[in-house]
Amino acid sequence: MTGYVTIRENRDFRRAYSRGKYYVSPILVTYVVKNRSGLLRTGITTSKKTGNAVRRSRSRRVIRAAFRPLSGRVAGGCDLVFVARARTPMAKSQQVRRAMERHLKAAGVLR
């Protein structure tokens, strides 16, 4: 799978939070849940606990940059929701990618 679709609907995020399996690290929280569409769908959330708008935007950019090289290795048919934590804006994308890779391997969706 080379591409992915962005999750934008609140109900899809809520579904991942309530039914999904989650994996936690100090930098990132990852929710993984199967979907029926067969597509790989991803969403990123950052709360106000992360910091001001600049820090939240940086968190989203770092998470997107970390996921880009892994997206081709992730199996389709699942929703991934990445939640930024307080340390995410200060982290490099390499650190976030390592945490993300560990989470996705533990979930069994990384080839």
C-alpha atoms as a PDB file:
ATOM      1  CA  MET A   1       0.000   0.000   0.000  1.00  0.00           C
ATOM      2  CA  THR A   2       1.605   3.255  -1.074  1.00  0.00           C
ATOM      3  CA  GLY A   3      -0.957   5.840  -0.087  1.00  0.00           C
ATOM      4  CA  TYR A   4      -3.294   6.559   2.740  1.00  0.00           C
ATOM      5  CA  VAL A   5      -6.464   8.504   3.363  1.00  0.00           C
ATOM      6  CA  THR A   6      -6.737  11.114   6.115  1.00  0.00           C
ATOM      7  CA  ILE A   7      -9.384  10.639   8.806  1.00  0.00           C
ATOM      8  CA  ARG A   8     -11.372  13.831   9.275  1.00  0.00           C
ATOM      9  CA  GLU A   9     -14.692  12.734  10.777  1.00  0.00           C
ATOM     10  CA  ASN A  10     -15.129  12.940  14.545  1.00  0.00           C
ATOM     11  CA  ARG A  11     -17.022   9.629  14.587  1.00  0.00           C
ATOM     12  CA  ASP A  12     -13.999   7.856  13.065  1.00  0.00           C
ATOM     13  CA  PHE A  13     -11.714   9.234  15.773  1.00  0.00           C
ATOM     14  CA  ARG A  14     -14.210   8.252  18.478  1.00  0.00           C
ATOM     15  CA  ARG A  15     -14.453   4.747  16.996  1.00  0.00           C
ATOM     16  CA  ALA A  16     -10.669   4.365  17.168  1.00  0.00           C
ATOM     17  CA  TYR A  17     -10.606   5.582  20.773  1.00  0.00           C
ATOM     18  CA  SER A  18     -13.402   3.285  21.936  1.00  0.00           C
ATOM     19  CA  ARG A  19     -12.764   0.101  19.914  1.00  0.00           C
ATOM     20  CA  GLY A  20      -9.107   0.357  18.989  1.00  0.00           C
ATOM     21  CA  LYS A  21      -6.057  -1.173  20.611  1.00  0.00           C
ATOM     22  CA  TYR A  22      -3.634   1.466  21.840  1.00  0.00           C
ATOM     23  CA  TYR A  23       0.136   1.611  22.282  1.00  0.00           C
ATOM     24  CA  VAL A  24       1.787   4.242  24.466  1.00  0.00           C
ATOM     25  CA  SER A  25       5.239   5.813  24.602  1.00  0.00           C
ATOM     26  CA  PRO A  26       6.414   9.109  26.136  1.00  0.00           C
ATOM     27  CA  ILE A  27       6.386  10.735  22.685  1.00  0.00           C
ATOM     28  CA  LEU A  28       3.335   9.228  20.986  1.00  0.00           C
ATOM     29  CA  VAL A  29       0.117   7.267  21.495  1.00  0.00           C
ATOM     30  CA  THR A  30      -1.071   5.078  18.614  1.00  0.00           C
ATOM     31  CA  TYR A  31      -4.597   3.677  18.232  1.00  0.00           C
ATOM     32  CA  VAL A  32      -5.126   0.848  15.729  1.00  0.00           C
ATOM     33  CA  VAL A  33      -8.534  -0.457  14.657  1.00  0.00           C
ATOM     34  CA  LYS A  34      -9.634  -2.509  11.633  1.00  0.00           C
ATOM     35  CA  ASN A  35     -11.924  -0.908   9.070  1.00  0.00           C
ATOM     36  CA  ARG A  36     -14.165  -2.367   6.400  1.00  0.00           C
ATOM     37  CA  SER A  37     -13.028  -0.171   3.534  1.00  0.00           C
ATOM     38  CA  GLY A  38      -9.735  -1.983   2.934  1.00  0.00           C
ATOM     39  CA  LEU A  39      -7.901   1.351   2.846  1.00  0.00           C
ATOM     40  CA  LEU A  40      -5.198   2.584   5.174  1.00  0.00           C
ATOM     41  CA  ARG A  41      -6.584   5.633   6.978  1.00  0.00           C
ATOM     42  CA  THR A  42      -4.633   7.846   9.366  1.00  0.00           C
ATOM     43  CA  GLY A  43      -5.517  10.686  11.686  1.00  0.00           C
ATOM     44  CA  ILE A  44      -3.452  12.932  13.948  1.00  0.00           C
ATOM     45  CA  THR A  45      -4.686  14.698  17.067  1.00  0.00           C
ATOM     46  CA  THR A  46      -2.974  17.171  19.340  1.00  0.00           C
ATOM     47  CA  SER A  47      -4.557  18.527  22.477  1.00  0.00           C
ATOM     48  CA  LYS A  48      -4.014  21.853  24.175  1.00  0.00           C
ATOM     49  CA  LYS A  49      -1.856  20.017  26.730  1.00  0.00           C
ATOM     50  CA  THR A  50       0.769  19.820  23.976  1.00  0.00           C
ATOM     51  CA  GLY A  51       1.202  23.599  24.014  1.00  0.00           C
ATOM     52  CA  ASN A  52       0.297  26.640  21.972  1.00  0.00           C
ATOM     53  CA  ALA A  53      -0.672  26.560  18.277  1.00  0.00           C
ATOM     54  CA  VAL A  54       2.958  26.595  17.117  1.00  0.00           C
ATOM     55  CA  ARG A  55       3.819  23.508  19.188  1.00  0.00           C
ATOM     56  CA  ARG A  56       0.658  21.679  18.122  1.00  0.00           C
ATOM     57  CA  SER A  57       1.402  22.362  14.461  1.00  0.00           C
ATOM     58  CA  ARG A  58       4.997  21.214  14.873  1.00  0.00           C
ATOM     59  CA  SER A  59       3.756  18.030  16.542  1.00  0.00           C
ATOM     60  CA  ARG A  60       1.520  17.258  13.574  1.00  0.00           C
ATOM     61  CA  ARG A  61       4.339  17.978  11.099  1.00  0.00           C
ATOM     62  CA  VAL A  62       6.777  15.737  12.984  1.00  0.00           C
ATOM     63  CA  ILE A  63       4.244  12.885  13.144  1.00  0.00           C
ATOM     64  CA  ARG A  64       3.462  13.182   9.411  1.00  0.00           C
ATOM     65  CA  ALA A  65       7.188  13.243   8.558  1.00  0.00           C
ATOM     66  CA  ALA A  66       7.790  10.159  10.708  1.00  0.00           C
ATOM     67  CA  PHE A  67       4.911   8.225   9.142  1.00  0.00           C
ATOM     68  CA  ARG A  68       5.747   9.000   5.507  1.00  0.00           C
ATOM     69  CA  PRO A  69       8.568   6.414   5.107  1.00  0.00           C
ATOM     70  CA  LEU A  70       6.568   3.766   6.996  1.00  0.00           C
ATOM     71  CA  SER A  71       3.329   4.202   5.038  1.00  0.00           C
ATOM     72  CA  GLY A  72       4.393   1.812   2.270  1.00  0.00           C
ATOM     73  CA  ARG A  73       5.024  -0.982   4.776  1.00  0.00           C
ATOM     74  CA  VAL A  74       1.712  -0.708   6.653  1.00  0.00           C
ATOM     75  CA  ALA A  75      -1.026  -3.166   5.724  1.00  0.00           C
ATOM     76  CA  GLY A  76      -4.286  -1.729   4.438  1.00  0.00           C
ATOM     77  CA  GLY A  77      -7.667  -2.207   6.054  1.00  0.00           C
ATOM     78  CA  CYS A  78      -6.935  -0.399   9.300  1.00  0.00           C
ATOM     79  CA  ASP A  79      -7.341   3.016  10.867  1.00  0.00           C
ATOM     80  CA  LEU A  80      -4.367   4.551  12.657  1.00  0.00           C
ATOM     81  CA  VAL A  81      -4.813   7.507  14.988  1.00  0.00           C
ATOM     82  CA  PHE A  82      -1.675   9.153  16.327  1.00  0.00           C
ATOM     83  CA  VAL A  83      -2.007  11.333  19.424  1.00  0.00           C
ATOM     84  CA  ALA A  84       0.775  13.793  20.200  1.00  0.00           C
ATOM     85  CA  ARG A  85       2.003  14.025  23.765  1.00  0.00           C
ATOM     86  CA  ALA A  86       3.745  16.833  25.664  1.00  0.00           C
ATOM     87  CA  ARG A  87       7.219  15.744  24.463  1.00  0.00           C
ATOM     88  CA  THR A  88       6.304  15.450  20.772  1.00  0.00           C
ATOM     89  CA  PRO A  89       7.065  19.060  19.712  1.00  0.00           C
ATOM     90  CA  MET A  90      10.602  18.807  21.091  1.00  0.00           C
ATOM     91  CA  ALA A  91      11.301  15.414  19.491  1.00  0.00           C
ATOM     92  CA  LYS A  92      12.990  14.795  16.148  1.00  0.00           C
ATOM     93  CA  SER A  93      11.073  12.856  13.510  1.00  0.00           C
ATOM     94  CA  GLN A  94      13.604   9.993  13.837  1.00  0.00           C
ATOM     95  CA  GLN A  95      12.627   9.487  17.496  1.00  0.00           C
ATOM     96  CA  VAL A  96       8.942   9.602  16.645  1.00  0.00           C
ATOM     97  CA  ARG A  97       9.471   7.146  13.773  1.00  0.00           C
ATOM     98  CA  ARG A  98      11.208   4.651  16.096  1.00  0.00           C
ATOM     99  CA  ALA A  99       8.315   4.827  18.572  1.00  0.00           C
ATOM    100  CA  MET A 100       5.783   4.576  15.736  1.00  0.00           C
ATOM    101  CA  GLU A 101       7.571   1.573  14.255  1.00  0.00           C
ATOM    102  CA  ARG A 102       7.534  -0.203  17.643  1.00  0.00           C
ATOM    103  CA  HIS A 103       3.810   0.479  18.028  1.00  0.00           C
ATOM    104  CA  LEU A 104       2.927  -0.707  14.525  1.00  0.00           C
ATOM    105  CA  LYS A 105       5.026  -3.881  14.890  1.00  0.00           C
ATOM    106  CA  ALA A 106       3.337  -4.653  18.210  1.00  0.00           C
ATOM    107  CA  ALA A 107      -0.056  -4.149  16.537  1.00  0.00           C
ATOM    108  CA  GLY A 108       0.915  -6.520  13.723  1.00  0.00           C
ATOM    109  CA  VAL A 109       0.167  -4.102  10.884  1.00  0.00           C
ATOM    110  CA  LEU A 110       3.762  -3.416   9.796  1.00  0.00           C
ATOM    111  CA  ARG A 111       5.242  -5.696   7.140  1.00  0.00           C
END
